[in-house]
Amino acid sequence: MAYTDLTTKDFNETLDNNEIVIIDFWAEWCGPCKQFAPIFEKVANNNPDITFGKVNTEEQKAIASKYDVFSIPTLLVVRDGIVLLNQAGMLPEDKLEKLIAHVKGLDMDQVRKEMEEQEDEE
């Protein structure tokens, strides 16, 4: 399996112990979620160096609530514990691969510096 089903028991540990984590928030009744599932799984198989997880929003309401997931599918991208993307809607395979390449190429020291500067301005 290219991804892990995440629950409240292992969600935070997964984020803490992996450099890049990509999470698909979904539900059984969601048509677009079912369309996105094979894309997500294929991209996960193509990127074994990244941790992929799925969160069933019906069973894991606390996680969905914590990350303000109101529409599904929603994609959450986390690197070094920093949420880089929290976006509703499904992505085509090529766009998801481009997103992953972008996330891998980020200078996280620069990202942290920019975040600190934004916080100082607020």
PDB file of N, CA and C in Angstrom:
ATOM      1  N   MET A   1       0.848  -1.188   0.000  1.00  0.00           N
ATOM      2  CA  MET A   1       0.000   0.000   0.000  1.00  0.00           C
ATOM      3  C   MET A   1       0.887   1.243   0.000  1.00  0.00           C
ATOM      4  N   ALA A   2       0.543   2.179  -0.849  1.00  0.00           N
ATOM      5  CA  ALA A   2       1.359   3.372  -1.029  1.00  0.00           C
ATOM      6  C   ALA A   2       1.017   4.473  -0.038  1.00  0.00           C
ATOM      7  N   TYR A   3      -0.077   4.291   0.689  1.00  0.00           N
ATOM      8  CA  TYR A   3      -0.480   5.311   1.645  1.00  0.00           C
ATOM      9  C   TYR A   3      -0.961   4.629   2.927  1.00  0.00           C
ATOM     10  N   THR A   4      -1.122   5.444   3.976  1.00  0.00           N
ATOM     11  CA  THR A   4      -1.577   4.951   5.272  1.00  0.00           C
ATOM     12  C   THR A   4      -2.905   5.602   5.600  1.00  0.00           C
ATOM     13  N   ASP A   5      -3.814   4.828   6.152  1.00  0.00           N
ATOM     14  CA  ASP A   5      -5.054   5.399   6.668  1.00  0.00           C
ATOM     15  C   ASP A   5      -4.731   5.988   8.036  1.00  0.00           C
ATOM     16  N   LEU A   6      -4.917   7.280   8.173  1.00  0.00           N
ATOM     17  CA  LEU A   6      -4.545   7.967   9.406  1.00  0.00           C
ATOM     18  C   LEU A   6      -5.740   8.168  10.324  1.00  0.00           C
ATOM     19  N   THR A   7      -5.476   8.054  11.619  1.00  0.00           N
ATOM     20  CA  THR A   7      -6.496   8.286  12.641  1.00  0.00           C
ATOM     21  C   THR A   7      -5.906   9.225  13.688  1.00  0.00           C
ATOM     22  N   THR A   8      -6.707   9.586  14.673  1.00  0.00           N
ATOM     23  CA  THR A   8      -6.215  10.457  15.739  1.00  0.00           C
ATOM     24  C   THR A   8      -5.059   9.799  16.494  1.00  0.00           C
ATOM     25  N   LYS A   9      -4.980   8.475  16.459  1.00  0.00           N
ATOM     26  CA  LYS A   9      -3.913   7.764  17.175  1.00  0.00           C
ATOM     27  C   LYS A   9      -2.538   7.984  16.549  1.00  0.00           C
ATOM     28  N   ASP A  10      -2.480   8.126  15.222  1.00  0.00           N
ATOM     29  CA  ASP A  10      -1.176   8.204  14.558  1.00  0.00           C
ATOM     30  C   ASP A  10      -0.976   9.454  13.698  1.00  0.00           C
ATOM     31  N   PHE A  11      -1.949  10.338  13.655  1.00  0.00           N
ATOM     32  CA  PHE A  11      -1.870  11.500  12.775  1.00  0.00           C
ATOM     33  C   PHE A  11      -0.692  12.406  13.130  1.00  0.00           C
ATOM     34  N   ASN A  12      -0.643  12.885  14.378  1.00  0.00           N
ATOM     35  CA  ASN A  12       0.423  13.809  14.779  1.00  0.00           C
ATOM     36  C   ASN A  12       1.794  13.158  14.686  1.00  0.00           C
ATOM     37  N   GLU A  13       1.883  11.895  15.064  1.00  0.00           N
ATOM     38  CA  GLU A  13       3.153  11.172  14.980  1.00  0.00           C
ATOM     39  C   GLU A  13       3.626  11.092  13.528  1.00  0.00           C
ATOM     40  N   THR A  14       2.696  10.885  12.619  1.00  0.00           N
ATOM     41  CA  THR A  14       3.037  10.827  11.193  1.00  0.00           C
ATOM     42  C   THR A  14       3.589  12.169  10.720  1.00  0.00           C
ATOM     43  N   LEU A  15       2.949  13.257  11.125  1.00  0.00           N
ATOM     44  CA  LEU A  15       3.443  14.586  10.736  1.00  0.00           C
ATOM     45  C   LEU A  15       4.807  14.867  11.360  1.00  0.00           C
ATOM     46  N   ASP A  16       4.988  14.460  12.610  1.00  0.00           N
ATOM     47  CA  ASP A  16       6.229  14.750  13.335  1.00  0.00           C
ATOM     48  C   ASP A  16       7.422  13.941  12.830  1.00  0.00           C
ATOM     49  N   ASN A  17       7.184  12.747  12.333  1.00  0.00           N
ATOM     50  CA  ASN A  17       8.271  11.824  12.020  1.00  0.00           C
ATOM     51  C   ASN A  17       8.591  11.676  10.538  1.00  0.00           C
ATOM     52  N   ASN A  18       8.012  12.529   9.702  1.00  0.00           N
ATOM     53  CA  ASN A  18       8.254  12.444   8.260  1.00  0.00           C
ATOM     54  C   ASN A  18       8.477  13.841   7.702  1.00  0.00           C
ATOM     55  N   GLU A  19       9.427  13.945   6.787  1.00  0.00           N
ATOM     56  CA  GLU A  19       9.764  15.258   6.232  1.00  0.00           C
ATOM     57  C   GLU A  19       8.602  15.848   5.438  1.00  0.00           C
ATOM     58  N   ILE A  20       8.072  15.057   4.495  1.00  0.00           N
ATOM     59  CA  ILE A  20       6.964  15.523   3.662  1.00  0.00           C
ATOM     60  C   ILE A  20       5.800  14.556   3.832  1.00  0.00           C
ATOM     61  N   VAL A  21       4.633  15.113   4.134  1.00  0.00           N
ATOM     62  CA  VAL A  21       3.425  14.312   4.289  1.00  0.00           C
ATOM     63  C   VAL A  21       2.329  14.943   3.433  1.00  0.00           C
ATOM     64  N   ILE A  22       1.690  14.116   2.612  1.00  0.00           N
ATOM     65  CA  ILE A  22       0.582  14.567   1.777  1.00  0.00           C
ATOM     66  C   ILE A  22      -0.643  13.756   2.182  1.00  0.00           C
ATOM     67  N   ILE A  23      -1.700  14.476   2.549  1.00  0.00           N
ATOM     68  CA  ILE A  23      -2.883  13.820   3.098  1.00  0.00           C
ATOM     69  C   ILE A  23      -4.110  14.154   2.258  1.00  0.00           C
ATOM     70  N   ASP A  24      -4.863  13.118   1.958  1.00  0.00           N
ATOM     71  CA  ASP A  24      -6.125  13.237   1.240  1.00  0.00           C
ATOM     72  C   ASP A  24      -7.261  13.062   2.248  1.00  0.00           C
ATOM     73  N   PHE A  25      -8.041  14.127   2.455  1.00  0.00           N
ATOM     74  CA  PHE A  25      -9.239  14.047   3.285  1.00  0.00           C
ATOM     75  C   PHE A  25     -10.392  13.640   2.374  1.00  0.00           C
ATOM     76  N   TRP A  26     -11.109  12.590   2.738  1.00  0.00           N
ATOM     77  CA  TRP A  26     -12.132  12.018   1.869  1.00  0.00           C
ATOM     78  C   TRP A  26     -13.277  11.438   2.710  1.00  0.00           C
ATOM     79  N   ALA A  27     -14.329  10.982   1.999  1.00  0.00           N
ATOM     80  CA  ALA A  27     -15.429  10.253   2.633  1.00  0.00           C
ATOM     81  C   ALA A  27     -15.973   9.244   1.621  1.00  0.00           C
ATOM     82  N   GLU A  28     -16.540   8.181   2.142  1.00  0.00           N
ATOM     83  CA  GLU A  28     -17.058   7.097   1.306  1.00  0.00           C
ATOM     84  C   GLU A  28     -18.127   7.574   0.324  1.00  0.00           C
ATOM     85  N   TRP A  29     -18.972   8.507   0.727  1.00  0.00           N
ATOM     86  CA  TRP A  29     -20.095   8.969  -0.086  1.00  0.00           C
ATOM     87  C   TRP A  29     -19.704  10.010  -1.139  1.00  0.00           C
ATOM     88  N   CYS A  30     -18.461  10.441  -1.141  1.00  0.00           N
ATOM     89  CA  CYS A  30     -17.998  11.554  -1.984  1.00  0.00           C
ATOM     90  C   CYS A  30     -17.562  11.077  -3.370  1.00  0.00           C
ATOM     91  N   GLY A  31     -18.313  11.454  -4.388  1.00  0.00           N
ATOM     92  CA  GLY A  31     -17.986  11.067  -5.759  1.00  0.00           C
ATOM     93  C   GLY A  31     -16.623  11.567  -6.223  1.00  0.00           C
ATOM     94  N   PRO A  32     -16.327  12.868  -6.079  1.00  0.00           N
ATOM     95  CA  PRO A  32     -15.003  13.350  -6.482  1.00  0.00           C
ATOM     96  C   PRO A  32     -13.869  12.670  -5.716  1.00  0.00           C
ATOM     97  N   CYS A  33     -14.121  12.294  -4.466  1.00  0.00           N
ATOM     98  CA  CYS A  33     -13.102  11.579  -3.684  1.00  0.00           C
ATOM     99  C   CYS A  33     -12.779  10.236  -4.338  1.00  0.00           C
ATOM    100  N   LYS A  34     -13.814   9.561  -4.805  1.00  0.00           N
ATOM    101  CA  LYS A  34     -13.626   8.261  -5.462  1.00  0.00           C
ATOM    102  C   LYS A  34     -12.872   8.430  -6.781  1.00  0.00           C
ATOM    103  N   GLN A  35     -13.116   9.552  -7.468  1.00  0.00           N
ATOM    104  CA  GLN A  35     -12.394   9.825  -8.718  1.00  0.00           C
ATOM    105  C   GLN A  35     -10.923  10.132  -8.437  1.00  0.00           C
ATOM    106  N   PHE A  36     -10.669  10.826  -7.340  1.00  0.00           N
ATOM    107  CA  PHE A  36      -9.307  11.236  -7.003  1.00  0.00           C
ATOM    108  C   PHE A  36      -8.480  10.087  -6.425  1.00  0.00           C
ATOM    109  N   ALA A  37      -9.121   9.118  -5.798  1.00  0.00           N
ATOM    110  CA  ALA A  37      -8.411   8.035  -5.108  1.00  0.00           C
ATOM    111  C   ALA A  37      -7.372   7.323  -5.981  1.00  0.00           C
ATOM    112  N   PRO A  38      -7.686   6.907  -7.212  1.00  0.00           N
ATOM    113  CA  PRO A  38      -6.654   6.223  -8.011  1.00  0.00           C
ATOM    114  C   PRO A  38      -5.494   7.150  -8.403  1.00  0.00           C
ATOM    115  N   ILE A  39      -5.781   8.435  -8.585  1.00  0.00           N
ATOM    116  CA  ILE A  39      -4.721   9.401  -8.891  1.00  0.00           C
ATOM    117  C   ILE A  39      -3.783   9.511  -7.687  1.00  0.00           C
ATOM    118  N   PHE A  40      -4.368   9.687  -6.513  1.00  0.00           N
ATOM    119  CA  PHE A  40      -3.599   9.805  -5.277  1.00  0.00           C
ATOM    120  C   PHE A  40      -2.736   8.566  -5.065  1.00  0.00           C
ATOM    121  N   GLU A  41      -3.322   7.391  -5.264  1.00  0.00           N
ATOM    122  CA  GLU A  41      -2.575   6.149  -5.058  1.00  0.00           C
ATOM    123  C   GLU A  41      -1.442   5.997  -6.068  1.00  0.00           C
ATOM    124  N   LYS A  42      -1.696   6.342  -7.322  1.00  0.00           N
ATOM    125  CA  LYS A  42      -0.653   6.243  -8.351  1.00  0.00           C
ATOM    126  C   LYS A  42       0.514   7.180  -8.043  1.00  0.00           C
ATOM    127  N   VAL A  43       0.194   8.417  -7.679  1.00  0.00           N
ATOM    128  CA  VAL A  43       1.247   9.385  -7.352  1.00  0.00           C
ATOM    129  C   VAL A  43       1.999   8.940  -6.095  1.00  0.00           C
ATOM    130  N   ALA A  44       1.299   8.375  -5.140  1.00  0.00           N
ATOM    131  CA  ALA A  44       1.952   7.848  -3.939  1.00  0.00           C
ATOM    132  C   ALA A  44       2.925   6.730  -4.307  1.00  0.00           C
ATOM    133  N   ASN A  45       2.519   5.864  -5.197  1.00  0.00           N
ATOM    134  CA  ASN A  45       3.406   4.778  -5.650  1.00  0.00           C
ATOM    135  C   ASN A  45       4.630   5.321  -6.368  1.00  0.00           C
ATOM    136  N   ASN A  46       4.457   6.443  -7.079  1.00  0.00           N
ATOM    137  CA  ASN A  46       5.565   7.047  -7.832  1.00  0.00           C
ATOM    138  C   ASN A  46       6.536   7.822  -6.946  1.00  0.00           C
ATOM    139  N   ASN A  47       6.145   8.075  -5.692  1.00  0.00           N
ATOM    140  CA  ASN A  47       6.962   8.890  -4.790  1.00  0.00           C
ATOM    141  C   ASN A  47       7.143   8.193  -3.443  1.00  0.00           C
ATOM    142  N   PRO A  48       7.885   7.083  -3.424  1.00  0.00           N
ATOM    143  CA  PRO A  48       8.025   6.320  -2.182  1.00  0.00           C
ATOM    144  C   PRO A  48       8.811   7.052  -1.089  1.00  0.00           C
ATOM    145  N   ASP A  49       9.470   8.154  -1.451  1.00  0.00           N
ATOM    146  CA  ASP A  49      10.232   8.935  -0.470  1.00  0.00           C
ATOM    147  C   ASP A  49       9.352   9.897   0.319  1.00  0.00           C
ATOM    148  N   ILE A  50       8.076   9.968  -0.026  1.00  0.00           N
ATOM    149  CA  ILE A  50       7.125  10.854   0.638  1.00  0.00           C
ATOM    150  C   ILE A  50       6.099   9.996   1.364  1.00  0.00           C
ATOM    151  N   THR A  51       5.614  10.498   2.493  1.00  0.00           N
ATOM    152  CA  THR A  51       4.569   9.805   3.241  1.00  0.00           C
ATOM    153  C   THR A  51       3.212  10.309   2.769  1.00  0.00           C
ATOM    154  N   PHE A  52       2.378   9.390   2.328  1.00  0.00           N
ATOM    155  CA  PHE A  52       1.030   9.704   1.890  1.00  0.00           C
ATOM    156  C   PHE A  52       0.038   9.104   2.876  1.00  0.00           C
ATOM    157  N   GLY A  53      -0.979   9.877   3.224  1.00  0.00           N
ATOM    158  CA  GLY A  53      -1.994   9.391   4.139  1.00  0.00           C
ATOM    159  C   GLY A  53      -3.375   9.796   3.687  1.00  0.00           C
ATOM    160  N   LYS A  54      -4.350   9.030   4.149  1.00  0.00           N
ATOM    161  CA  LYS A  54      -5.748   9.348   3.865  1.00  0.00           C
ATOM    162  C   LYS A  54      -6.489   9.450   5.187  1.00  0.00           C
ATOM    163  N   VAL A  55      -7.362  10.454   5.273  1.00  0.00           N
ATOM    164  CA  VAL A  55      -8.178  10.646   6.467  1.00  0.00           C
ATOM    165  C   VAL A  55      -9.647  10.591   6.051  1.00  0.00           C
ATOM    166  N   ASN A  56     -10.357   9.614   6.589  1.00  0.00           N
ATOM    167  CA  ASN A  56     -11.787   9.493   6.361  1.00  0.00           C
ATOM    168  C   ASN A  56     -12.470  10.510   7.271  1.00  0.00           C
ATOM    169  N   THR A  57     -13.051  11.541   6.671  1.00  0.00           N
ATOM    170  CA  THR A  57     -13.616  12.640   7.454  1.00  0.00           C
ATOM    171  C   THR A  57     -14.840  12.228   8.263  1.00  0.00           C
ATOM    172  N   GLU A  58     -15.501  11.153   7.876  1.00  0.00           N
ATOM    173  CA  GLU A  58     -16.655  10.664   8.637  1.00  0.00           C
ATOM    174  C   GLU A  58     -16.212   9.988   9.927  1.00  0.00           C
ATOM    175  N   GLU A  59     -15.072   9.327   9.874  1.00  0.00           N
ATOM    176  CA  GLU A  59     -14.569   8.587  11.036  1.00  0.00           C
ATOM    177  C   GLU A  59     -13.608   9.417  11.885  1.00  0.00           C
ATOM    178  N   GLN A  60     -12.970  10.418  11.295  1.00  0.00           N
ATOM    179  CA  GLN A  60     -11.947  11.213  11.976  1.00  0.00           C
ATOM    180  C   GLN A  60     -12.331  12.688  11.966  1.00  0.00           C
ATOM    181  N   LYS A  61     -13.477  12.977  12.533  1.00  0.00           N
ATOM    182  CA  LYS A  61     -14.016  14.345  12.509  1.00  0.00           C
ATOM    183  C   LYS A  61     -13.122  15.339  13.244  1.00  0.00           C
ATOM    184  N   ALA A  62     -12.439  14.897  14.283  1.00  0.00           N
ATOM    185  CA  ALA A  62     -11.575  15.806  15.046  1.00  0.00           C
ATOM    186  C   ALA A  62     -10.415  16.306  14.181  1.00  0.00           C
ATOM    187  N   ILE A  63      -9.832  15.423  13.378  1.00  0.00           N
ATOM    188  CA  ILE A  63      -8.725  15.836  12.501  1.00  0.00           C
ATOM    189  C   ILE A  63      -9.250  16.784  11.435  1.00  0.00           C
ATOM    190  N   ALA A  64     -10.371  16.437  10.818  1.00  0.00           N
ATOM    191  CA  ALA A  64     -10.947  17.290   9.778  1.00  0.00           C
ATOM    192  C   ALA A  64     -11.262  18.674  10.342  1.00  0.00           C
ATOM    193  N   SER A  65     -11.782  18.704  11.541  1.00  0.00           N
ATOM    194  CA  SER A  65     -12.118  19.977  12.177  1.00  0.00           C
ATOM    195  C   SER A  65     -10.863  20.800  12.476  1.00  0.00           C
ATOM    196  N   LYS A  66      -9.838  20.151  12.985  1.00  0.00           N
ATOM    197  CA  LYS A  66      -8.595  20.845  13.324  1.00  0.00           C
ATOM    198  C   LYS A  66      -7.989  21.545  12.109  1.00  0.00           C
ATOM    199  N   TYR A  67      -8.128  20.923  10.934  1.00  0.00           N
ATOM    200  CA  TYR A  67      -7.536  21.491   9.723  1.00  0.00           C
ATOM    201  C   TYR A  67      -8.569  22.196   8.841  1.00  0.00           C
ATOM    202  N   ASP A  68      -9.725  22.530   9.439  1.00  0.00           N
ATOM    203  CA  ASP A  68     -10.761  23.290   8.737  1.00  0.00           C
ATOM    204  C   ASP A  68     -11.156  22.675   7.399  1.00  0.00           C
ATOM    205  N   VAL A  69     -11.345  21.366   7.402  1.00  0.00           N
ATOM    206  CA  VAL A  69     -11.764  20.673   6.192  1.00  0.00           C
ATOM    207  C   VAL A  69     -13.286  20.697   6.144  1.00  0.00           C
ATOM    208  N   PHE A  70     -13.818  21.527   5.244  1.00  0.00           N
ATOM    209  CA  PHE A  70     -15.262  21.668   5.109  1.00  0.00           C
ATOM    210  C   PHE A  70     -15.762  21.091   3.796  1.00  0.00           C
ATOM    211  N   SER A  71     -14.862  20.863   2.875  1.00  0.00           N
ATOM    212  CA  SER A  71     -15.206  20.366   1.549  1.00  0.00           C
ATOM    213  C   SER A  71     -14.210  19.261   1.212  1.00  0.00           C
ATOM    214  N   ILE A  72     -14.689  18.228   0.558  1.00  0.00           N
ATOM    215  CA  ILE A  72     -13.784  17.132   0.214  1.00  0.00           C
ATOM    216  C   ILE A  72     -13.927  16.793  -1.263  1.00  0.00           C
ATOM    217  N   PRO A  73     -12.879  16.267  -1.866  1.00  0.00           N
ATOM    218  CA  PRO A  73     -11.587  15.988  -1.243  1.00  0.00           C
ATOM    219  C   PRO A  73     -10.828  17.274  -0.923  1.00  0.00           C
ATOM    220  N   THR A  74     -10.032  17.198   0.125  1.00  0.00           N
ATOM    221  CA  THR A  74      -9.109  18.275   0.480  1.00  0.00           C
ATOM    222  C   THR A  74      -7.727  17.670   0.580  1.00  0.00           C
ATOM    223  N   LEU A  75      -6.756  18.381   0.033  1.00  0.00           N
ATOM    224  CA  LEU A  75      -5.370  17.941   0.071  1.00  0.00           C
ATOM    225  C   LEU A  75      -4.607  18.807   1.066  1.00  0.00           C
ATOM    226  N   LEU A  76      -3.907  18.150   1.985  1.00  0.00           N
ATOM    227  CA  LEU A  76      -3.068  18.831   2.970  1.00  0.00           C
ATOM    228  C   LEU A  76      -1.636  18.430   2.695  1.00  0.00           C
ATOM    229  N   VAL A  77      -0.757  19.420   2.527  1.00  0.00           N
ATOM    230  CA  VAL A  77       0.655  19.160   2.279  1.00  0.00           C
ATOM    231  C   VAL A  77       1.450  19.781   3.421  1.00  0.00           C
ATOM    232  N   VAL A  78       2.249  18.936   4.093  1.00  0.00           N
ATOM    233  CA  VAL A  78       3.034  19.369   5.239  1.00  0.00           C
ATOM    234  C   VAL A  78       4.491  18.992   5.004  1.00  0.00           C
ATOM    235  N   ARG A  79       5.377  19.951   5.239  1.00  0.00           N
ATOM    236  CA  ARG A  79       6.811  19.651   5.178  1.00  0.00           C
ATOM    237  C   ARG A  79       7.466  20.220   6.425  1.00  0.00           C
ATOM    238  N   ASP A  80       8.270  19.406   7.081  1.00  0.00           N
ATOM    239  CA  ASP A  80       8.954  19.807   8.314  1.00  0.00           C
ATOM    240  C   ASP A  80       7.962  20.371   9.340  1.00  0.00           C
ATOM    241  N   GLY A  81       6.760  19.798   9.383  1.00  0.00           N
ATOM    242  CA  GLY A  81       5.763  20.226  10.350  1.00  0.00           C
ATOM    243  C   GLY A  81       5.023  21.494   9.989  1.00  0.00           C
ATOM    244  N   ILE A  82       5.307  22.067   8.828  1.00  0.00           N
ATOM    245  CA  ILE A  82       4.679  23.313   8.387  1.00  0.00           C
ATOM    246  C   ILE A  82       3.648  22.998   7.302  1.00  0.00           C
ATOM    247  N   VAL A  83       2.412  23.437   7.517  1.00  0.00           N
ATOM    248  CA  VAL A  83       1.375  23.242   6.503  1.00  0.00           C
ATOM    249  C   VAL A  83       1.655  24.192   5.345  1.00  0.00           C
ATOM    250  N   LEU A  84       1.918  23.630   4.187  1.00  0.00           N
ATOM    251  CA  LEU A  84       2.212  24.427   2.999  1.00  0.00           C
ATOM    252  C   LEU A  84       0.988  24.603   2.115  1.00  0.00           C
ATOM    253  N   LEU A  85       0.059  23.643   2.201  1.00  0.00           N
ATOM    254  CA  LEU A  85      -1.142  23.711   1.365  1.00  0.00           C
ATOM    255  C   LEU A  85      -2.282  23.018   2.092  1.00  0.00           C
ATOM    256  N   ASN A  86      -3.428  23.649   2.070  1.00  0.00           N
ATOM    257  CA  ASN A  86      -4.661  23.059   2.577  1.00  0.00           C
ATOM    258  C   ASN A  86      -5.721  23.503   1.583  1.00  0.00           C
ATOM    259  N   GLN A  87      -5.995  22.630   0.589  1.00  0.00           N
ATOM    260  CA  GLN A  87      -6.815  23.050  -0.545  1.00  0.00           C
ATOM    261  C   GLN A  87      -7.864  22.006  -0.874  1.00  0.00           C
ATOM    262  N   ALA A  88      -9.098  22.472  -0.992  1.00  0.00           N
ATOM    263  CA  ALA A  88     -10.183  21.585  -1.401  1.00  0.00           C
ATOM    264  C   ALA A  88     -10.135  21.380  -2.908  1.00  0.00           C
ATOM    265  N   GLY A  89     -10.628  20.227  -3.342  1.00  0.00           N
ATOM    266  CA  GLY A  89     -10.697  19.914  -4.768  1.00  0.00           C
ATOM    267  C   GLY A  89      -9.660  18.885  -5.158  1.00  0.00           C
ATOM    268  N   MET A  90      -9.984  18.165  -6.207  1.00  0.00           N
ATOM    269  CA  MET A  90      -9.046  17.143  -6.655  1.00  0.00           C
ATOM    270  C   MET A  90      -8.095  17.719  -7.698  1.00  0.00           C
ATOM    271  N   LEU A  91      -6.904  17.167  -7.739  1.00  0.00           N
ATOM    272  CA  LEU A  91      -5.904  17.597  -8.709  1.00  0.00           C
ATOM    273  C   LEU A  91      -5.678  16.501  -9.730  1.00  0.00           C
ATOM    274  N   PRO A  92      -5.470  16.862 -10.991  1.00  0.00           N
ATOM    275  CA  PRO A  92      -5.054  15.862 -11.963  1.00  0.00           C
ATOM    276  C   PRO A  92      -3.644  15.368 -11.619  1.00  0.00           C
ATOM    277  N   GLU A  93      -3.311  14.202 -12.108  1.00  0.00           N
ATOM    278  CA  GLU A  93      -2.031  13.582 -11.784  1.00  0.00           C
ATOM    279  C   GLU A  93      -0.848  14.499 -12.078  1.00  0.00           C
ATOM    280  N   ASP A  94      -0.824  15.143 -13.239  1.00  0.00           N
ATOM    281  CA  ASP A  94       0.324  15.983 -13.592  1.00  0.00           C
ATOM    282  C   ASP A  94       0.471  17.178 -12.645  1.00  0.00           C
ATOM    283  N   LYS A  95      -0.637  17.757 -12.230  1.00  0.00           N
ATOM    284  CA  LYS A  95      -0.577  18.900 -11.301  1.00  0.00           C
ATOM    285  C   LYS A  95      -0.108  18.456  -9.918  1.00  0.00           C
ATOM    286  N   LEU A  96      -0.538  17.275  -9.480  1.00  0.00           N
ATOM    287  CA  LEU A  96      -0.099  16.755  -8.196  1.00  0.00           C
ATOM    288  C   LEU A  96       1.397  16.463  -8.228  1.00  0.00           C
ATOM    289  N   GLU A  97       1.890  15.918  -9.319  1.00  0.00           N
ATOM    290  CA  GLU A  97       3.333  15.656  -9.461  1.00  0.00           C
ATOM    291  C   GLU A  97       4.115  16.968  -9.467  1.00  0.00           C
ATOM    292  N   LYS A  98       3.601  18.003 -10.133  1.00  0.00           N
ATOM    293  CA  LYS A  98       4.275  19.313 -10.143  1.00  0.00           C
ATOM    294  C   LYS A  98       4.291  19.915  -8.743  1.00  0.00           C
ATOM    295  N   LEU A  99       3.190  19.769  -8.011  1.00  0.00           N
ATOM    296  CA  LEU A  99       3.119  20.256  -6.640  1.00  0.00           C
ATOM    297  C   LEU A  99       4.183  19.579  -5.782  1.00  0.00           C
ATOM    298  N   ILE A 100       4.321  18.278  -5.934  1.00  0.00           N
ATOM    299  CA  ILE A 100       5.315  17.521  -5.164  1.00  0.00           C
ATOM    300  C   ILE A 100       6.726  17.990  -5.502  1.00  0.00           C
ATOM    301  N   ALA A 101       7.003  18.185  -6.783  1.00  0.00           N
ATOM    302  CA  ALA A 101       8.329  18.667  -7.192  1.00  0.00           C
ATOM    303  C   ALA A 101       8.604  20.037  -6.572  1.00  0.00           C
ATOM    304  N   HIS A 102       7.595  20.886  -6.546  1.00  0.00           N
ATOM    305  CA  HIS A 102       7.740  22.226  -5.948  1.00  0.00           C
ATOM    306  C   HIS A 102       8.035  22.112  -4.453  1.00  0.00           C
ATOM    307  N   VAL A 103       7.278  21.281  -3.756  1.00  0.00           N
ATOM    308  CA  VAL A 103       7.459  21.118  -2.312  1.00  0.00           C
ATOM    309  C   VAL A 103       8.851  20.552  -2.006  1.00  0.00           C
ATOM    310  N   LYS A 104       9.303  19.596  -2.801  1.00  0.00           N
ATOM    311  CA  LYS A 104      10.639  19.019  -2.596  1.00  0.00           C
ATOM    312  C   LYS A 104      11.727  20.070  -2.792  1.00  0.00           C
ATOM    313  N   GLY A 105      11.486  21.013  -3.698  1.00  0.00           N
ATOM    314  CA  GLY A 105      12.495  22.015  -4.020  1.00  0.00           C
ATOM    315  C   GLY A 105      12.513  23.236  -3.115  1.00  0.00           C
ATOM    316  N   LEU A 106      11.571  23.322  -2.198  1.00  0.00           N
ATOM    317  CA  LEU A 106      11.511  24.497  -1.325  1.00  0.00           C
ATOM    318  C   LEU A 106      12.707  24.579  -0.384  1.00  0.00           C
ATOM    319  N   ASP A 107      13.165  25.794  -0.166  1.00  0.00           N
ATOM    320  CA  ASP A 107      14.176  26.066   0.851  1.00  0.00           C
ATOM    321  C   ASP A 107      13.411  26.342   2.144  1.00  0.00           C
ATOM    322  N   MET A 108      13.349  25.344   3.016  1.00  0.00           N
ATOM    323  CA  MET A 108      12.512  25.461   4.209  1.00  0.00           C
ATOM    324  C   MET A 108      13.051  26.502   5.190  1.00  0.00           C
ATOM    325  N   ASP A 109      14.353  26.766   5.186  1.00  0.00           N
ATOM    326  CA  ASP A 109      14.881  27.844   6.022  1.00  0.00           C
ATOM    327  C   ASP A 109      14.300  29.185   5.567  1.00  0.00           C
ATOM    328  N   GLN A 110      14.208  29.355   4.263  1.00  0.00           N
ATOM    329  CA  GLN A 110      13.622  30.578   3.710  1.00  0.00           C
ATOM    330  C   GLN A 110      12.128  30.657   4.051  1.00  0.00           C
ATOM    331  N   VAL A 111      11.425  29.529   3.951  1.00  0.00           N
ATOM    332  CA  VAL A 111       9.994  29.497   4.283  1.00  0.00           C
ATOM    333  C   VAL A 111       9.789  29.907   5.741  1.00  0.00           C
ATOM    334  N   ARG A 112      10.601  29.341   6.639  1.00  0.00           N
ATOM    335  CA  ARG A 112      10.486  29.686   8.063  1.00  0.00           C
ATOM    336  C   ARG A 112      10.770  31.177   8.293  1.00  0.00           C
ATOM    337  N   LYS A 113      11.785  31.699   7.595  1.00  0.00           N
ATOM    338  CA  LYS A 113      12.139  33.113   7.723  1.00  0.00           C
ATOM    339  C   LYS A 113      10.974  33.995   7.265  1.00  0.00           C
ATOM    340  N   GLU A 114      10.354  33.644   6.144  1.00  0.00           N
ATOM    341  CA  GLU A 114       9.227  34.425   5.629  1.00  0.00           C
ATOM    342  C   GLU A 114       8.042  34.346   6.589  1.00  0.00           C
ATOM    343  N   MET A 115       7.831  33.186   7.184  1.00  0.00           N
ATOM    344  CA  MET A 115       6.733  33.039   8.151  1.00  0.00           C
ATOM    345  C   MET A 115       6.980  33.916   9.377  1.00  0.00           C
ATOM    346  N   GLU A 116       8.222  33.954   9.849  1.00  0.00           N
ATOM    347  CA  GLU A 116       8.570  34.795  11.003  1.00  0.00           C
ATOM    348  C   GLU A 116       8.353  36.269  10.677  1.00  0.00           C
ATOM    349  N   GLU A 117       8.733  36.674   9.469  1.00  0.00           N
ATOM    350  CA  GLU A 117       8.553  38.064   9.057  1.00  0.00           C
ATOM    351  C   GLU A 117       7.073  38.430   8.998  1.00  0.00           C
ATOM    352  N   GLN A 118       6.249  37.521   8.499  1.00  0.00           N
ATOM    353  CA  GLN A 118       4.802  37.763   8.441  1.00  0.00           C
ATOM    354  C   GLN A 118       4.226  37.901   9.849  1.00  0.00           C
ATOM    355  N   GLU A 119       4.689  37.041  10.759  1.00  0.00           N
ATOM    356  CA  GLU A 119       4.198  37.101  12.141  1.00  0.00           C
ATOM    357  C   GLU A 119       4.602  38.408  12.807  1.00  0.00           C
ATOM    358  N   ASP A 120       5.819  38.887  12.490  1.00  0.00           N
ATOM    359  CA  ASP A 120       6.282  40.145  13.061  1.00  0.00           C
ATOM    360  C   ASP A 120       5.455  41.330  12.576  1.00  0.00           C
ATOM    361  N   GLU A 121       4.945  41.249  11.349  1.00  0.00           N
ATOM    362  CA  GLU A 121       4.144  42.320  10.774  1.00  0.00           C
ATOM    363  C   GLU A 121       2.743  42.375  11.362  1.00  0.00           C
ATOM    364  N   GLU A 122       2.271  41.259  11.888  1.00  0.00           N
ATOM    365  CA  GLU A 122       0.890  41.194  12.402  1.00  0.00           C
ATOM    366  C   GLU A 122       0.740  41.784  13.769  1.00  0.00           C
TER     367      GLU A 122
END
